[in-house]
Amino acid sequence: MSFNPIQFLEFSKELCNREVLNDLETITRVIIGRAYYSVFLHSKEYLKEKENFQFENNRLDHMFVENGLMLRVNRTLGSYIRELNENRHAADYNLENPAVVETRSGATRVLHFDENAQTNCITLAETIISQLPRT
C-alpha cells in the first residue's frame, strides 16, 4: 500500500481546526466523506492482510468491509463504519440541511452538517482505526 488512507482523517481533523471556507456545511460534508474513506480503506487493507478477505474493488466492497468488521473483528466497529457510511451517503447525495438519514435497519435519523457532525464522525473514525493494527 503506497497511500496511507489515514491521511484522509488527518486532513479532516485539520479542516476542523481552521476556517478554510466560511461555509460550515461544505466543510462538514467534506470532513464526513474523508473520515469515512479513511476508515473504509484502512479497514479494507486490514481485512485483506489479516483476515484474508478478497474484494471486488466495486461498490459491494463497502458492505463487505462493514460485514467483515462485524463478523471477524468487533460488532461495534462494524456498526460504527455503517453509521459513517450512512453519513457519507447523506453528505454526498442529500442537499438538505439537516438531512434525513435512512439507515439500513429502516429507521431514520437527522444529520445536521455542523461541528457536532464533524466531531462525531472523526471520533468514530479514530475509534475504528485505533482498534485495527496498522497494515
N, C-alpha and C. Protein backbone atom coordinates (compact mmCIF):
# COMPACT_ATOMS: atom_id res chain seq x y z
N MET A 1 0.86 -1.17 0.00
CA MET A 1 0.00 0.00 0.00
C MET A 1 0.90 1.23 0.00
N SER A 2 0.73 2.08 -1.01
CA SER A 2 1.59 3.25 -1.09
C SER A 2 0.95 4.49 -0.45
N PHE A 3 -0.34 4.65 -0.59
CA PHE A 3 -1.03 5.78 0.05
C PHE A 3 -1.60 5.32 1.38
N ASN A 4 -1.37 6.10 2.39
CA ASN A 4 -1.90 5.78 3.70
C ASN A 4 -3.26 6.47 3.86
N PRO A 5 -4.35 5.69 3.86
CA PRO A 5 -5.68 6.31 3.92
C PRO A 5 -5.97 7.07 5.20
N ILE A 6 -5.18 6.84 6.22
CA ILE A 6 -5.37 7.59 7.47
C ILE A 6 -5.10 9.08 7.24
N GLN A 7 -4.36 9.41 6.17
CA GLN A 7 -4.13 10.81 5.83
C GLN A 7 -5.44 11.54 5.55
N PHE A 8 -6.45 10.84 5.04
CA PHE A 8 -7.76 11.46 4.85
C PHE A 8 -8.32 11.94 6.18
N LEU A 9 -8.16 11.13 7.21
CA LEU A 9 -8.65 11.51 8.54
C LEU A 9 -7.84 12.68 9.09
N GLU A 10 -6.54 12.65 8.91
CA GLU A 10 -5.70 13.76 9.37
C GLU A 10 -6.10 15.06 8.68
N PHE A 11 -6.38 14.99 7.39
CA PHE A 11 -6.85 16.15 6.64
C PHE A 11 -8.18 16.65 7.20
N SER A 12 -9.08 15.73 7.52
CA SER A 12 -10.38 16.10 8.09
C SER A 12 -10.19 16.82 9.42
N LYS A 13 -9.29 16.32 10.24
CA LYS A 13 -9.04 16.95 11.53
C LYS A 13 -8.47 18.36 11.34
N GLU A 14 -7.60 18.53 10.36
CA GLU A 14 -7.06 19.86 10.07
C GLU A 14 -8.16 20.82 9.62
N LEU A 15 -9.09 20.32 8.80
CA LEU A 15 -10.21 21.16 8.36
C LEU A 15 -11.04 21.63 9.54
N CYS A 16 -11.20 20.77 10.53
CA CYS A 16 -11.97 21.15 11.72
C CYS A 16 -11.32 22.29 12.47
N ASN A 17 -10.02 22.38 12.38
CA ASN A 17 -9.27 23.33 13.19
C ASN A 17 -8.99 24.65 12.51
N ARG A 18 -9.48 24.86 11.30
CA ARG A 18 -9.25 26.13 10.65
C ARG A 18 -10.43 26.54 9.80
N GLU A 19 -10.46 27.81 9.55
CA GLU A 19 -11.51 28.38 8.71
C GLU A 19 -11.01 28.46 7.28
N VAL A 20 -11.06 27.35 6.57
CA VAL A 20 -10.64 27.32 5.17
C VAL A 20 -11.67 28.06 4.32
N LEU A 21 -12.90 27.77 4.57
CA LEU A 21 -14.02 28.42 3.91
C LEU A 21 -14.91 28.99 4.99
N ASN A 22 -15.67 29.96 4.62
CA ASN A 22 -16.64 30.47 5.58
C ASN A 22 -17.97 29.77 5.33
N ASP A 23 -17.92 28.47 5.17
CA ASP A 23 -19.11 27.68 4.86
C ASP A 23 -19.07 26.38 5.64
N LEU A 24 -19.66 26.40 6.80
CA LEU A 24 -19.64 25.26 7.72
C LEU A 24 -20.20 24.00 7.06
N GLU A 25 -21.26 24.13 6.32
CA GLU A 25 -21.89 22.95 5.71
C GLU A 25 -20.96 22.27 4.72
N THR A 26 -20.31 23.05 3.87
CA THR A 26 -19.40 22.46 2.88
C THR A 26 -18.24 21.74 3.57
N ILE A 27 -17.65 22.40 4.54
CA ILE A 27 -16.53 21.79 5.27
C ILE A 27 -16.99 20.50 5.94
N THR A 28 -18.16 20.52 6.56
CA THR A 28 -18.66 19.34 7.26
C THR A 28 -18.89 18.19 6.30
N ARG A 29 -19.45 18.47 5.14
CA ARG A 29 -19.68 17.42 4.15
C ARG A 29 -18.36 16.79 3.70
N VAL A 30 -17.34 17.61 3.51
CA VAL A 30 -16.02 17.08 3.11
C VAL A 30 -15.42 16.25 4.23
N ILE A 31 -15.51 16.74 5.46
CA ILE A 31 -14.96 16.02 6.61
C ILE A 31 -15.63 14.65 6.75
N ILE A 32 -16.93 14.61 6.63
CA ILE A 32 -17.65 13.34 6.75
C ILE A 32 -17.17 12.36 5.70
N GLY A 33 -17.05 12.81 4.46
CA GLY A 33 -16.60 11.92 3.38
C GLY A 33 -15.19 11.42 3.58
N ARG A 34 -14.28 12.30 3.94
CA ARG A 34 -12.88 11.90 4.10
C ARG A 34 -12.71 11.02 5.33
N ALA A 35 -13.45 11.31 6.41
CA ALA A 35 -13.36 10.45 7.61
C ALA A 35 -13.83 9.05 7.26
N TYR A 36 -14.93 8.94 6.53
CA TYR A 36 -15.41 7.62 6.14
C TYR A 36 -14.39 6.89 5.27
N TYR A 37 -13.89 7.56 4.24
CA TYR A 37 -12.98 6.86 3.33
C TYR A 37 -11.66 6.49 3.99
N SER A 38 -11.22 7.27 4.97
CA SER A 38 -10.00 6.88 5.69
C SER A 38 -10.22 5.54 6.38
N VAL A 39 -11.36 5.38 7.02
CA VAL A 39 -11.67 4.15 7.75
C VAL A 39 -11.98 3.01 6.79
N PHE A 40 -12.74 3.30 5.76
CA PHE A 40 -13.08 2.26 4.79
C PHE A 40 -11.82 1.66 4.17
N LEU A 41 -10.93 2.50 3.67
CA LEU A 41 -9.71 2.00 3.01
C LEU A 41 -8.78 1.31 4.00
N HIS A 42 -8.63 1.89 5.19
CA HIS A 42 -7.78 1.27 6.21
C HIS A 42 -8.34 -0.10 6.61
N SER A 43 -9.64 -0.17 6.83
CA SER A 43 -10.27 -1.43 7.22
C SER A 43 -10.19 -2.46 6.11
N LYS A 44 -10.35 -2.02 4.89
CA LYS A 44 -10.26 -2.92 3.74
C LYS A 44 -8.87 -3.55 3.66
N GLU A 45 -7.84 -2.75 3.83
CA GLU A 45 -6.47 -3.28 3.82
C GLU A 45 -6.25 -4.23 4.99
N TYR A 46 -6.76 -3.86 6.15
CA TYR A 46 -6.64 -4.73 7.32
C TYR A 46 -7.28 -6.09 7.04
N LEU A 47 -8.49 -6.08 6.53
CA LEU A 47 -9.21 -7.33 6.26
C LEU A 47 -8.51 -8.17 5.20
N LYS A 48 -7.92 -7.52 4.21
CA LYS A 48 -7.17 -8.26 3.18
C LYS A 48 -5.94 -8.92 3.79
N GLU A 49 -5.18 -8.16 4.56
CA GLU A 49 -3.92 -8.65 5.08
C GLU A 49 -4.06 -9.58 6.29
N LYS A 50 -4.94 -9.25 7.19
CA LYS A 50 -5.04 -10.01 8.44
C LYS A 50 -6.11 -11.08 8.43
N GLU A 51 -7.15 -10.90 7.63
CA GLU A 51 -8.28 -11.83 7.62
C GLU A 51 -8.45 -12.53 6.27
N ASN A 52 -7.53 -12.30 5.35
CA ASN A 52 -7.53 -12.92 4.02
C ASN A 52 -8.81 -12.69 3.23
N PHE A 53 -9.40 -11.52 3.39
CA PHE A 53 -10.59 -11.17 2.60
C PHE A 53 -10.18 -10.88 1.16
N GLN A 54 -11.08 -11.20 0.25
CA GLN A 54 -10.92 -10.86 -1.16
C GLN A 54 -11.98 -9.82 -1.50
N PHE A 55 -11.60 -8.80 -2.23
CA PHE A 55 -12.52 -7.74 -2.59
C PHE A 55 -12.63 -7.63 -4.10
N GLU A 56 -13.76 -7.11 -4.54
CA GLU A 56 -14.06 -6.95 -5.96
C GLU A 56 -13.65 -5.58 -6.49
N ASN A 57 -13.30 -4.67 -5.59
CA ASN A 57 -12.99 -3.28 -5.96
C ASN A 57 -14.15 -2.63 -6.69
N ASN A 58 -15.33 -2.78 -6.09
CA ASN A 58 -16.52 -2.11 -6.60
C ASN A 58 -17.37 -1.68 -5.40
N ARG A 59 -18.58 -1.22 -5.67
CA ARG A 59 -19.43 -0.68 -4.60
C ARG A 59 -19.79 -1.69 -3.52
N LEU A 60 -19.74 -2.98 -3.84
CA LEU A 60 -20.06 -4.00 -2.85
C LEU A 60 -19.01 -4.09 -1.75
N ASP A 61 -17.82 -3.59 -2.03
CA ASP A 61 -16.76 -3.63 -1.02
C ASP A 61 -17.15 -2.89 0.26
N HIS A 62 -17.98 -1.87 0.15
CA HIS A 62 -18.40 -1.14 1.34
C HIS A 62 -19.16 -2.06 2.30
N MET A 63 -20.05 -2.86 1.75
CA MET A 63 -20.80 -3.82 2.56
C MET A 63 -19.89 -4.93 3.08
N PHE A 64 -18.94 -5.39 2.24
CA PHE A 64 -18.02 -6.44 2.66
C PHE A 64 -17.15 -5.98 3.82
N VAL A 65 -16.70 -4.73 3.78
CA VAL A 65 -15.88 -4.19 4.88
C VAL A 65 -16.70 -4.12 6.16
N GLU A 66 -17.90 -3.58 6.05
CA GLU A 66 -18.77 -3.50 7.23
C GLU A 66 -19.02 -4.88 7.83
N ASN A 67 -19.40 -5.83 6.99
CA ASN A 67 -19.66 -7.19 7.47
C ASN A 67 -18.40 -7.85 8.01
N GLY A 68 -17.26 -7.61 7.38
CA GLY A 68 -16.00 -8.17 7.85
C GLY A 68 -15.66 -7.67 9.24
N LEU A 69 -15.85 -6.37 9.47
CA LEU A 69 -15.59 -5.84 10.81
C LEU A 69 -16.55 -6.44 11.82
N MET A 70 -17.83 -6.51 11.46
CA MET A 70 -18.82 -7.04 12.39
C MET A 70 -18.56 -8.50 12.75
N LEU A 71 -18.23 -9.31 11.75
CA LEU A 71 -18.13 -10.76 11.96
C LEU A 71 -16.75 -11.23 12.39
N ARG A 72 -15.72 -10.54 11.96
CA ARG A 72 -14.37 -11.02 12.22
C ARG A 72 -13.59 -10.22 13.25
N VAL A 73 -14.01 -8.98 13.48
CA VAL A 73 -13.22 -8.12 14.36
C VAL A 73 -14.03 -7.72 15.60
N ASN A 74 -15.06 -6.92 15.39
CA ASN A 74 -15.81 -6.40 16.53
C ASN A 74 -17.12 -5.83 16.00
N ARG A 75 -18.22 -6.33 16.52
CA ARG A 75 -19.55 -5.92 16.05
C ARG A 75 -19.74 -4.41 16.17
N THR A 76 -19.25 -3.82 17.24
CA THR A 76 -19.40 -2.38 17.44
C THR A 76 -18.68 -1.60 16.35
N LEU A 77 -17.48 -2.03 15.98
CA LEU A 77 -16.74 -1.35 14.91
C LEU A 77 -17.51 -1.42 13.60
N GLY A 78 -18.13 -2.55 13.34
CA GLY A 78 -18.96 -2.68 12.15
C GLY A 78 -20.12 -1.71 12.15
N SER A 79 -20.73 -1.51 13.31
CA SER A 79 -21.85 -0.56 13.39
C SER A 79 -21.35 0.88 13.24
N TYR A 80 -20.13 1.16 13.72
CA TYR A 80 -19.56 2.50 13.56
C TYR A 80 -19.30 2.81 12.09
N ILE A 81 -18.72 1.85 11.37
CA ILE A 81 -18.44 2.13 9.96
C ILE A 81 -19.74 2.22 9.16
N ARG A 82 -20.76 1.50 9.59
CA ARG A 82 -22.08 1.63 8.94
C ARG A 82 -22.61 3.05 9.13
N GLU A 83 -22.54 3.56 10.36
CA GLU A 83 -23.01 4.91 10.62
C GLU A 83 -22.23 5.94 9.81
N LEU A 84 -20.92 5.77 9.75
CA LEU A 84 -20.10 6.67 8.95
C LEU A 84 -20.50 6.62 7.47
N ASN A 85 -20.75 5.43 6.96
CA ASN A 85 -21.13 5.28 5.56
C ASN A 85 -22.50 5.92 5.31
N GLU A 86 -23.42 5.73 6.22
CA GLU A 86 -24.74 6.37 6.08
C GLU A 86 -24.60 7.89 6.08
N ASN A 87 -23.74 8.41 6.96
CA ASN A 87 -23.50 9.86 6.99
C ASN A 87 -22.83 10.33 5.71
N ARG A 88 -21.87 9.56 5.22
CA ARG A 88 -21.18 9.90 3.98
C ARG A 88 -22.17 9.93 2.82
N HIS A 89 -23.04 8.95 2.78
CA HIS A 89 -24.03 8.91 1.71
C HIS A 89 -24.92 10.14 1.76
N ALA A 90 -25.37 10.52 2.94
CA ALA A 90 -26.19 11.73 3.09
C ALA A 90 -25.42 12.98 2.69
N ALA A 91 -24.15 13.06 3.10
CA ALA A 91 -23.33 14.23 2.77
C ALA A 91 -23.11 14.36 1.27
N ASP A 92 -23.00 13.22 0.59
CA ASP A 92 -22.74 13.24 -0.85
C ASP A 92 -23.99 13.44 -1.70
N TYR A 93 -25.13 12.93 -1.23
CA TYR A 93 -26.30 12.87 -2.10
C TYR A 93 -27.51 13.66 -1.63
N ASN A 94 -27.56 14.07 -0.37
CA ASN A 94 -28.72 14.78 0.16
C ASN A 94 -28.36 16.26 0.28
N LEU A 95 -29.05 17.09 -0.45
CA LEU A 95 -28.73 18.52 -0.46
C LEU A 95 -29.41 19.31 0.65
N GLU A 96 -30.20 18.64 1.46
CA GLU A 96 -30.88 19.31 2.57
C GLU A 96 -29.97 19.40 3.79
N ASN A 97 -30.20 20.42 4.60
CA ASN A 97 -29.52 20.55 5.88
C ASN A 97 -30.52 21.09 6.89
N PRO A 98 -30.94 20.28 7.84
CA PRO A 98 -30.44 18.94 8.13
C PRO A 98 -30.94 17.92 7.11
N ALA A 99 -30.21 16.81 7.07
CA ALA A 99 -30.56 15.71 6.16
C ALA A 99 -31.21 14.59 6.96
N VAL A 100 -32.17 13.96 6.35
CA VAL A 100 -32.76 12.76 6.94
C VAL A 100 -31.95 11.58 6.43
N VAL A 101 -31.36 10.84 7.36
CA VAL A 101 -30.52 9.70 7.02
C VAL A 101 -31.36 8.44 7.17
N GLU A 102 -31.45 7.70 6.09
CA GLU A 102 -32.16 6.42 6.15
C GLU A 102 -31.15 5.33 6.46
N THR A 103 -31.39 4.63 7.56
CA THR A 103 -30.46 3.59 7.98
C THR A 103 -30.84 2.27 7.32
N ARG A 104 -29.89 1.36 7.30
CA ARG A 104 -30.16 0.05 6.71
C ARG A 104 -31.21 -0.74 7.48
N SER A 105 -31.37 -0.39 8.73
CA SER A 105 -32.38 -1.09 9.55
C SER A 105 -33.79 -0.57 9.28
N GLY A 106 -33.90 0.47 8.45
CA GLY A 106 -35.20 1.02 8.12
C GLY A 106 -35.59 2.23 8.95
N ALA A 107 -34.81 2.55 9.94
CA ALA A 107 -35.08 3.72 10.77
C ALA A 107 -34.55 4.98 10.05
N THR A 108 -34.90 6.12 10.59
CA THR A 108 -34.35 7.37 10.08
C THR A 108 -33.78 8.16 11.25
N ARG A 109 -32.83 9.01 10.94
CA ARG A 109 -32.30 9.93 11.94
C ARG A 109 -31.94 11.23 11.22
N VAL A 110 -31.77 12.26 11.96
CA VAL A 110 -31.48 13.58 11.39
C VAL A 110 -30.00 13.87 11.56
N LEU A 111 -29.38 14.34 10.48
CA LEU A 111 -27.96 14.71 10.50
C LEU A 111 -27.85 16.18 10.14
N HIS A 112 -27.34 16.97 11.09
CA HIS A 112 -27.06 18.39 10.85
C HIS A 112 -25.60 18.48 10.41
N PHE A 113 -25.34 19.23 9.37
CA PHE A 113 -23.97 19.40 8.89
C PHE A 113 -23.35 20.57 9.66
N ASP A 114 -22.83 20.22 10.83
CA ASP A 114 -22.28 21.22 11.75
C ASP A 114 -21.08 20.65 12.49
N GLU A 115 -20.57 21.41 13.47
CA GLU A 115 -19.39 20.98 14.24
C GLU A 115 -19.63 19.67 14.97
N ASN A 116 -20.83 19.44 15.45
CA ASN A 116 -21.12 18.18 16.15
C ASN A 116 -20.97 16.99 15.20
N ALA A 117 -21.44 17.13 13.97
CA ALA A 117 -21.30 16.05 12.99
C ALA A 117 -19.82 15.82 12.68
N GLN A 118 -19.05 16.89 12.58
CA GLN A 118 -17.61 16.77 12.34
C GLN A 118 -16.96 15.97 13.45
N THR A 119 -17.20 16.38 14.68
CA THR A 119 -16.59 15.72 15.83
C THR A 119 -17.03 14.27 15.93
N ASN A 120 -18.30 14.01 15.74
CA ASN A 120 -18.82 12.65 15.82
C ASN A 120 -18.16 11.74 14.79
N CYS A 121 -18.08 12.19 13.55
CA CYS A 121 -17.51 11.35 12.50
C CYS A 121 -16.02 11.11 12.73
N ILE A 122 -15.31 12.12 13.14
CA ILE A 122 -13.88 11.95 13.41
C ILE A 122 -13.67 11.01 14.59
N THR A 123 -14.48 11.13 15.62
CA THR A 123 -14.37 10.24 16.77
C THR A 123 -14.65 8.79 16.38
N LEU A 124 -15.70 8.57 15.60
CA LEU A 124 -15.99 7.20 15.14
C LEU A 124 -14.82 6.65 14.32
N ALA A 125 -14.30 7.47 13.41
CA ALA A 125 -13.18 7.02 12.57
C ALA A 125 -11.95 6.70 13.42
N GLU A 126 -11.62 7.57 14.35
CA GLU A 126 -10.45 7.34 15.21
C GLU A 126 -10.64 6.08 16.07
N THR A 127 -11.84 5.84 16.52
CA THR A 127 -12.10 4.65 17.33
C THR A 127 -11.85 3.39 16.51
N ILE A 128 -12.34 3.35 15.29
CA ILE A 128 -12.13 2.18 14.44
C ILE A 128 -10.64 1.99 14.15
N ILE A 129 -10.00 3.05 13.74
CA ILE A 129 -8.57 2.96 13.37
C ILE A 129 -7.72 2.55 14.56
N SER A 130 -8.05 3.07 15.74
CA SER A 130 -7.24 2.74 16.92
C SER A 130 -7.36 1.27 17.31
N GLN A 131 -8.45 0.61 16.90
CA GLN A 131 -8.63 -0.79 17.27
C GLN A 131 -8.21 -1.76 16.18
N LEU A 132 -7.74 -1.23 15.06
CA LEU A 132 -7.21 -2.09 13.99
C LEU A 132 -5.72 -1.82 13.87
N PRO A 133 -4.88 -2.83 13.98
CA PRO A 133 -3.45 -2.59 13.81
C PRO A 133 -3.17 -2.01 12.44
N ARG A 134 -2.21 -1.13 12.38
CA ARG A 134 -1.83 -0.55 11.09
C ARG A 134 -1.31 -1.66 10.18
N THR A 135 -1.69 -1.54 8.93
CA THR A 135 -1.27 -2.55 7.96
C THR A 135 0.01 -2.13 7.28
